[in-house]
Amino acid sequence: MDRVRLAIVGCGNISQLNAPGYLQHPRCDVVVLCDTEPERAKRRAREWGISPRVYSDLTQVLDDGAVDAVELLTPTWLHADQIVAALQAGKHVSCQKPLAISIAEADRIADTVARARTTFRVTENFLYYPPIVKAKELLDAGAIGEPSLVRIHTTRTQHITGQAMELDPDAMVWRRDPGRNPGGVLYDDGVHKYATASYWIGEIGDVSAIVTRGAEFTMETPAVATWRFKGRDCLGIIDYTYAPEMIIRGRYYRVDEFFEIHGSRGIIWVTRCSGEMLDLPAVMVIRGTETVSYQVPTDWRFGFDGAAVDFVDGLLAGRQPAQDIHEAKRMLQVPLAIYEAARTGRMVAPESV
């Protein structure tokens, strides 16, 4: 394969972040846009300055012999059927997170992946976000010694200033449906954070949790989950809060994250991700008597660009991009274990879900 001919399936909010990396890649051609509302796909084509074929149904995409690969940016409850169909049609598949809405669906996908001659991955933009990558480099270089604790804090708000991306509120409708979504932010957003923690330290072990169910199904705040990383003397903490009366800066969503990694010789802070609330360097190493700051690119979209590059380059080189089916399934098991731990008041092993 000399070039990748890509179809983007789903032209809603998140396509505005996923598409640019493909459009900029010198060996990728976005030849098809597909959306159940064709006018939305045509509008994206105009915004992106391309002239693709426009389809309204995935079957049309899979019947198109000029499509090598698909990027599925569709609601999660559709993923299993769409992934299986695309792989069986001989297409390479990249799919928006989370992988699926149940472990049964994940296993069905895994069975299809095992038989497929094409490549499958879940798009995980956090693994390519420059501040998170820099923190990984510092960890691996021993900048803070042996890690002992990772904390990932997320603040959600109602108000944002500086927003540069137009959002369609209809994108939340299916997320609020318990019949089509197994959880809220700990599931839909949390998979980014579990992937980050695993990227930094390793596999997540037994989980305990307290999850507050608010008036809105998706909110789940305040909430906290803790775990021990397998084979490491290191703990993980993820927590979510909601500050409806606070205004934050950000270009994309009404959310801000702060990451902390504690080690035997110091602490790493990652102060910037989806939002831009703090006026601090993106990455800081604190060693008690000194603080070293690292200025790296911080636009959250750069993580999506990196994910696109990894998929295209992986296909061209014949290698597996991150995240493969096995890691994607593990990332699905973590929030489901968190919900079970919160329900039962006991620790739950993700692999037991």
Protein backbone atom coordinates (compact mmCIF):
# COMPACT_ATOMS: atom_id res chain seq x y z
CA MET A 1 0.00 0.00 0.00
CA ASP A 2 1.45 3.33 -1.09
CA ARG A 3 -1.38 5.55 0.13
CA VAL A 4 -4.34 5.17 2.48
CA ARG A 5 -7.76 5.95 1.03
CA LEU A 6 -9.89 6.76 4.08
CA ALA A 7 -13.60 7.06 4.76
CA ILE A 8 -14.69 9.08 7.78
CA VAL A 9 -17.96 7.67 9.08
CA GLY A 10 -19.78 10.10 11.35
CA CYS A 11 -19.37 13.84 10.77
CA GLY A 12 -20.54 15.15 14.15
CA ASN A 13 -18.70 17.13 16.81
CA ILE A 14 -15.66 14.92 17.25
CA SER A 15 -14.93 14.77 13.52
CA GLN A 16 -13.73 18.36 13.80
CA LEU A 17 -10.83 17.08 15.91
CA ASN A 18 -10.22 13.71 14.25
CA ALA A 19 -10.21 14.79 10.62
CA PRO A 20 -7.38 17.40 10.43
CA GLY A 21 -4.60 14.87 11.10
CA TYR A 22 -5.79 12.74 8.20
CA LEU A 23 -6.30 15.73 5.92
CA GLN A 24 -2.74 16.91 6.60
CA HIS A 25 -1.06 13.54 6.14
CA PRO A 26 0.90 13.48 2.85
CA ARG A 27 0.01 9.85 2.16
CA CYS A 28 -3.66 9.82 3.18
CA ASP A 29 -6.64 10.77 1.03
CA VAL A 30 -10.05 11.29 2.65
CA VAL A 31 -12.13 9.96 -0.23
CA VAL A 32 -15.48 9.42 1.50
CA LEU A 33 -17.54 11.15 4.18
CA CYS A 34 -20.52 9.25 5.56
CA ASP A 35 -23.25 10.53 7.84
CA THR A 36 -26.91 9.68 8.40
CA GLU A 37 -27.51 13.36 7.59
CA PRO A 38 -25.72 13.83 4.23
CA GLU A 39 -25.98 17.61 4.44
CA ARG A 40 -23.80 17.52 7.55
CA ALA A 41 -21.17 15.53 5.65
CA LYS A 42 -21.32 18.01 2.77
CA ARG A 43 -20.86 20.89 5.20
CA ARG A 44 -17.76 19.22 6.66
CA ALA A 45 -16.40 18.72 3.14
CA ARG A 46 -16.77 22.44 2.48
CA GLU A 47 -15.15 23.32 5.82
CA TRP A 48 -12.21 20.99 5.13
CA GLY A 49 -11.78 22.00 1.49
CA ILE A 50 -12.21 18.51 0.05
CA SER A 51 -14.49 16.89 -2.56
CA PRO A 52 -15.18 13.36 -1.30
CA ARG A 53 -17.97 11.01 -2.20
CA VAL A 54 -20.80 11.45 0.33
CA TYR A 55 -22.76 8.48 1.62
CA SER A 56 -25.58 8.18 4.13
CA ASP A 57 -25.10 4.53 5.10
CA LEU A 58 -22.11 2.45 6.18
CA THR A 59 -23.07 -0.27 3.69
CA GLN A 60 -22.29 2.14 0.85
CA VAL A 61 -18.84 2.76 2.34
CA LEU A 62 -18.10 -0.96 2.69
CA ASP A 63 -19.22 -1.60 -0.90
CA ASP A 64 -16.82 1.05 -2.19
CA GLY A 65 -13.73 -0.74 -3.48
CA ALA A 66 -11.77 2.51 -3.50
CA VAL A 67 -11.88 2.71 0.33
CA ASP A 68 -8.99 1.06 2.19
CA ALA A 69 -9.81 2.13 5.75
CA VAL A 70 -12.58 3.63 7.83
CA GLU A 71 -12.49 5.94 10.84
CA LEU A 72 -15.68 5.26 12.82
CA LEU A 73 -16.80 8.37 14.71
CA THR A 74 -20.23 7.02 15.53
CA PRO A 75 -22.20 6.52 18.77
CA THR A 76 -20.68 3.78 20.92
CA TRP A 77 -23.77 1.55 20.84
CA LEU A 78 -23.25 1.18 17.09
CA HIS A 79 -19.57 0.22 17.28
CA ALA A 80 -19.76 -3.55 17.55
CA ASP A 81 -21.93 -4.10 14.47
CA GLN A 82 -20.03 -1.50 12.45
CA ILE A 83 -16.56 -2.76 13.37
CA VAL A 84 -17.49 -6.37 12.60
CA ALA A 85 -19.07 -5.41 9.26
CA ALA A 86 -16.09 -3.25 8.24
CA LEU A 87 -13.51 -5.90 9.10
CA GLN A 88 -15.50 -8.59 7.33
CA ALA A 89 -15.61 -6.30 4.29
CA GLY A 90 -11.81 -6.23 4.27
CA LYS A 91 -11.39 -2.65 5.50
CA HIS A 92 -8.84 -1.44 8.02
CA VAL A 93 -10.72 0.04 10.99
CA SER A 94 -10.02 2.82 13.44
CA CYS A 95 -12.84 3.39 15.92
CA GLN A 96 -13.63 6.18 18.34
CA LYS A 97 -13.46 5.23 22.02
CA PRO A 98 -14.95 3.53 24.01
CA LEU A 99 -14.70 0.21 22.22
CA ALA A 100 -18.24 -0.98 22.96
CA ILE A 101 -21.03 -0.94 25.53
CA SER A 102 -20.45 -4.42 26.97
CA ILE A 103 -17.79 -7.08 27.36
CA ALA A 104 -19.91 -9.44 25.24
CA GLU A 105 -19.66 -6.94 22.39
CA ALA A 106 -15.92 -6.52 23.00
CA ASP A 107 -15.44 -10.30 22.78
CA ARG A 108 -17.42 -10.41 19.56
CA ILE A 109 -15.19 -7.71 18.10
CA ALA A 110 -12.07 -9.54 19.31
CA ASP A 111 -13.18 -12.75 17.58
CA THR A 112 -13.61 -10.84 14.33
CA VAL A 113 -10.25 -9.06 14.71
CA ALA A 114 -8.53 -12.43 15.24
CA ARG A 115 -9.89 -13.67 11.89
CA ALA A 116 -9.41 -10.45 9.95
CA ARG A 117 -6.56 -9.81 7.53
CA THR A 118 -6.82 -6.08 8.13
CA THR A 119 -5.84 -3.84 11.05
CA PHE A 120 -8.04 -2.66 13.91
CA ARG A 121 -7.36 -0.04 16.54
CA VAL A 122 -9.29 2.25 18.89
CA THR A 123 -8.50 5.95 18.50
CA GLU A 124 -6.98 7.12 21.82
CA ASN A 125 -5.85 10.70 21.35
CA PHE A 126 -4.52 11.09 24.90
CA LEU A 127 -1.64 8.72 24.11
CA TYR A 128 -0.33 11.26 21.57
CA TYR A 129 -0.98 14.51 23.48
CA PRO A 130 2.46 16.19 23.81
CA PRO A 131 2.34 16.95 27.59
CA ILE A 132 1.31 13.35 28.36
CA VAL A 133 4.03 12.02 26.06
CA LYS A 134 6.59 14.30 27.74
CA ALA A 135 5.56 13.02 31.17
CA LYS A 136 6.10 9.46 29.93
CA GLU A 137 9.59 10.38 28.68
CA LEU A 138 10.44 11.91 32.06
CA LEU A 139 9.13 8.88 33.93
CA ASP A 140 11.12 6.48 31.77
CA ALA A 141 14.25 8.62 32.25
CA GLY A 142 13.90 8.33 36.04
CA ALA A 143 13.20 12.03 36.59
CA ILE A 144 11.14 11.34 39.74
CA GLY A 145 12.49 7.91 40.65
CA GLU A 146 10.12 5.02 41.33
CA PRO A 147 6.47 6.11 40.91
CA SER A 148 4.18 5.55 43.87
CA LEU A 149 0.93 7.34 42.99
CA VAL A 150 -0.87 8.71 39.93
CA ARG A 151 -3.77 11.12 40.39
CA ILE A 152 -5.98 12.29 37.53
CA HIS A 153 -8.43 15.05 38.43
CA THR A 154 -11.21 16.26 36.13
CA THR A 155 -13.35 19.34 36.69
CA ARG A 156 -16.50 19.75 34.62
CA THR A 157 -18.34 23.07 34.35
CA GLN A 158 -21.32 24.66 32.64
CA HIS A 159 -19.43 27.68 31.36
CA ILE A 160 -16.38 28.12 29.13
CA THR A 161 -14.67 31.12 27.59
CA GLY A 162 -12.59 31.01 24.42
CA GLN A 163 -14.47 28.13 22.80
CA ALA A 164 -13.43 27.75 19.16
CA MET A 165 -15.31 24.60 18.16
CA GLU A 166 -19.01 24.57 17.33
CA LEU A 167 -20.84 21.83 19.25
CA ASP A 168 -24.17 20.25 18.32
CA PRO A 169 -26.10 19.55 21.56
CA ASP A 170 -27.83 16.59 19.90
CA ALA A 171 -24.59 14.66 20.37
CA MET A 172 -25.56 14.22 24.03
CA VAL A 173 -28.96 12.65 23.37
CA TRP A 174 -27.82 9.03 22.99
CA ARG A 175 -25.28 9.45 25.80
CA ARG A 176 -28.15 10.19 28.19
CA ASP A 177 -29.93 6.94 27.28
CA PRO A 178 -29.05 4.15 29.77
CA GLY A 179 -30.25 1.62 27.21
CA ARG A 180 -27.53 2.72 24.80
CA ASN A 181 -24.80 3.78 27.21
CA PRO A 182 -23.62 1.82 30.26
CA GLY A 183 -22.42 4.90 32.13
CA GLY A 184 -21.53 8.56 32.25
CA VAL A 185 -18.26 10.45 32.45
CA LEU A 186 -16.38 7.63 34.21
CA TYR A 187 -17.10 5.49 31.16
CA ASP A 188 -17.25 7.81 28.16
CA ASP A 189 -14.50 10.24 29.24
CA GLY A 190 -12.78 8.06 31.80
CA VAL A 191 -11.36 5.64 29.23
CA HIS A 192 -8.97 8.43 28.18
CA LYS A 193 -7.70 8.67 31.75
CA TYR A 194 -7.34 4.90 32.32
CA ALA A 195 -5.41 4.68 29.05
CA THR A 196 -3.12 7.48 30.21
CA ALA A 197 -2.49 5.85 33.59
CA SER A 198 -1.75 2.51 31.93
CA TYR A 199 0.56 4.17 29.39
CA TRP A 200 2.54 5.77 32.21
CA ILE A 201 2.68 2.92 34.74
CA GLY A 202 1.12 -0.34 33.57
CA GLU A 203 -2.01 -2.44 33.84
CA ILE A 204 -4.73 -1.38 36.30
CA GLY A 205 -5.56 -3.87 39.04
CA ASP A 206 -8.33 -4.18 41.64
CA VAL A 207 -10.59 -1.11 41.83
CA SER A 208 -12.62 0.48 44.63
CA ALA A 209 -14.95 3.43 44.05
CA ILE A 210 -17.61 5.85 45.20
CA VAL A 211 -19.80 7.18 42.39
CA THR A 212 -22.51 9.81 42.91
CA ARG A 213 -25.43 9.64 40.53
CA GLY A 214 -26.67 13.17 39.98
CA ALA A 215 -29.84 14.39 38.31
CA GLU A 216 -28.24 13.84 34.90
CA PHE A 217 -27.32 10.25 34.02
CA THR A 218 -23.99 11.17 32.45
CA MET A 219 -22.59 13.47 35.15
CA GLU A 220 -21.49 11.07 37.95
CA THR A 221 -20.00 13.75 40.20
CA PRO A 222 -18.50 13.84 42.71
CA ALA A 223 -16.82 10.49 42.10
CA VAL A 224 -13.54 8.85 43.01
CA ALA A 225 -11.97 5.50 42.13
CA THR A 226 -8.69 4.02 43.35
CA TRP A 227 -6.61 1.05 42.27
CA ARG A 228 -3.21 -0.63 42.54
CA PHE A 229 -1.22 -1.06 39.35
CA LYS A 230 -0.44 -4.72 38.72
CA GLY A 231 3.09 -5.71 39.72
CA ARG A 232 3.95 -2.21 40.98
CA ASP A 233 4.00 -0.54 44.39
CA CYS A 234 2.01 2.27 42.85
CA LEU A 235 -1.58 3.41 43.33
CA GLY A 236 -3.92 5.25 40.98
CA ILE A 237 -6.68 7.74 41.77
CA ILE A 238 -9.20 9.26 39.40
CA ASP A 239 -11.74 11.82 40.57
CA TYR A 240 -14.44 13.92 38.97
CA THR A 241 -15.99 17.13 40.27
CA TYR A 242 -18.60 19.52 38.93
CA ALA A 243 -18.37 23.30 39.34
CA PRO A 244 -21.49 24.76 37.69
CA GLU A 245 -20.76 28.32 38.87
CA MET A 246 -17.14 28.40 37.66
CA ILE A 247 -15.96 29.65 34.26
CA ILE A 248 -12.90 28.03 32.68
CA ARG A 249 -10.85 28.77 29.59
CA GLY A 250 -10.87 26.21 26.82
CA ARG A 251 -11.27 25.81 23.08
CA TYR A 252 -13.21 22.56 22.97
CA TYR A 253 -15.27 21.18 25.86
CA ARG A 254 -16.39 22.40 29.29
CA VAL A 255 -13.81 20.33 31.12
CA ASP A 256 -10.32 20.68 32.58
CA GLU A 257 -7.82 18.07 33.79
CA PHE A 258 -4.84 18.05 36.13
CA PHE A 259 -2.43 15.09 36.34
CA GLU A 260 -0.01 14.29 39.17
CA ILE A 261 2.62 11.54 39.29
CA HIS A 262 4.43 11.09 42.60
CA GLY A 263 7.75 9.30 42.80
CA SER A 264 10.59 8.58 45.21
CA ARG A 265 12.56 11.63 44.05
CA GLY A 266 9.90 14.09 42.98
CA ILE A 267 6.58 14.86 41.37
CA ILE A 268 5.46 15.42 37.78
CA TRP A 269 2.56 17.76 37.08
CA VAL A 270 0.73 17.85 33.75
CA THR A 271 -1.36 20.98 34.02
CA ARG A 272 -2.98 21.17 30.60
CA CYS A 273 -5.19 18.87 28.55
CA SER A 274 -8.75 19.40 27.24
CA GLY A 275 -9.05 22.77 29.00
CA GLU A 276 -6.78 25.73 29.68
CA MET A 277 -7.72 26.71 33.22
CA LEU A 278 -4.27 27.07 34.81
CA ASP A 279 -1.62 29.66 33.91
CA LEU A 280 1.23 27.20 34.43
CA PRO A 281 3.77 25.45 32.20
CA ALA A 282 2.26 22.35 30.64
CA VAL A 283 4.68 19.95 32.34
CA MET A 284 6.56 20.51 35.61
CA VAL A 285 8.98 18.37 37.60
CA ILE A 286 9.08 19.25 41.29
CA ARG A 287 11.99 17.92 43.32
CA GLY A 288 11.45 19.77 46.58
CA THR A 289 14.27 22.30 46.25
CA GLU A 290 13.86 22.90 42.52
CA THR A 291 11.17 23.00 39.89
CA VAL A 292 11.89 22.39 36.22
CA SER A 293 9.32 23.47 33.64
CA TYR A 294 8.83 22.09 30.15
CA GLN A 295 7.05 24.05 27.46
CA VAL A 296 5.60 21.64 24.91
CA PRO A 297 2.73 22.10 22.41
CA THR A 298 -0.55 22.15 24.32
CA ASP A 299 -3.39 22.38 21.82
CA TRP A 300 -5.52 19.35 22.68
CA ARG A 301 -6.13 18.72 19.00
CA PHE A 302 -2.47 17.72 18.58
CA GLY A 303 -3.28 14.43 20.29
CA PHE A 304 -5.86 13.67 17.59
CA ASP A 305 -3.34 14.62 14.91
CA GLY A 306 -0.86 12.17 16.39
CA ALA A 307 -3.48 9.43 16.50
CA ALA A 308 -4.24 9.94 12.80
CA VAL A 309 -0.56 9.82 11.90
CA ASP A 310 -0.04 6.59 13.86
CA PHE A 311 -2.96 4.89 12.12
CA VAL A 312 -1.89 5.89 8.60
CA ASP A 313 1.81 5.21 9.22
CA GLY A 314 0.98 1.90 10.86
CA LEU A 315 -1.03 0.77 7.84
CA LEU A 316 1.69 1.85 5.43
CA ALA A 317 4.39 0.08 7.47
CA GLY A 318 2.33 -3.02 8.24
CA ARG A 319 2.49 -2.55 12.02
CA GLN A 320 -0.18 -2.39 14.72
CA PRO A 321 -1.02 1.15 15.93
CA ALA A 322 -2.03 1.75 19.55
CA GLN A 323 -4.62 0.80 20.93
CA ASP A 324 -5.14 -2.78 19.83
CA ILE A 325 -8.25 -4.83 20.62
CA HIS A 326 -6.79 -6.32 23.82
CA GLU A 327 -5.87 -2.96 25.34
CA ALA A 328 -9.19 -1.46 24.22
CA LYS A 329 -11.06 -4.25 25.99
CA ARG A 330 -9.04 -3.66 29.18
CA MET A 331 -9.94 0.05 29.03
CA LEU A 332 -13.62 -0.92 28.79
CA GLN A 333 -13.34 -3.29 31.74
CA VAL A 334 -12.01 -0.58 34.06
CA PRO A 335 -15.11 1.68 34.19
CA LEU A 336 -17.40 -1.35 34.35
CA ALA A 337 -15.36 -2.56 37.34
CA ILE A 338 -15.64 0.92 38.89
CA TYR A 339 -19.45 0.80 38.62
CA GLU A 340 -19.53 -2.68 40.14
CA ALA A 341 -17.21 -1.60 42.96
CA ALA A 342 -19.39 1.42 43.72
CA ARG A 343 -22.53 -0.71 43.66
CA THR A 344 -21.22 -3.46 45.93
CA GLY A 345 -18.85 -1.49 48.16
CA ARG A 346 -16.02 -3.95 47.53
CA MET A 347 -12.90 -4.12 45.37
CA VAL A 348 -13.40 -5.48 41.86
CA ALA A 349 -10.80 -6.84 39.45
CA PRO A 350 -11.38 -5.36 35.96
CA GLU A 351 -10.72 -8.72 34.30
CA SER A 352 -13.56 -10.26 36.34
CA VAL A 353 -16.21 -8.01 34.79
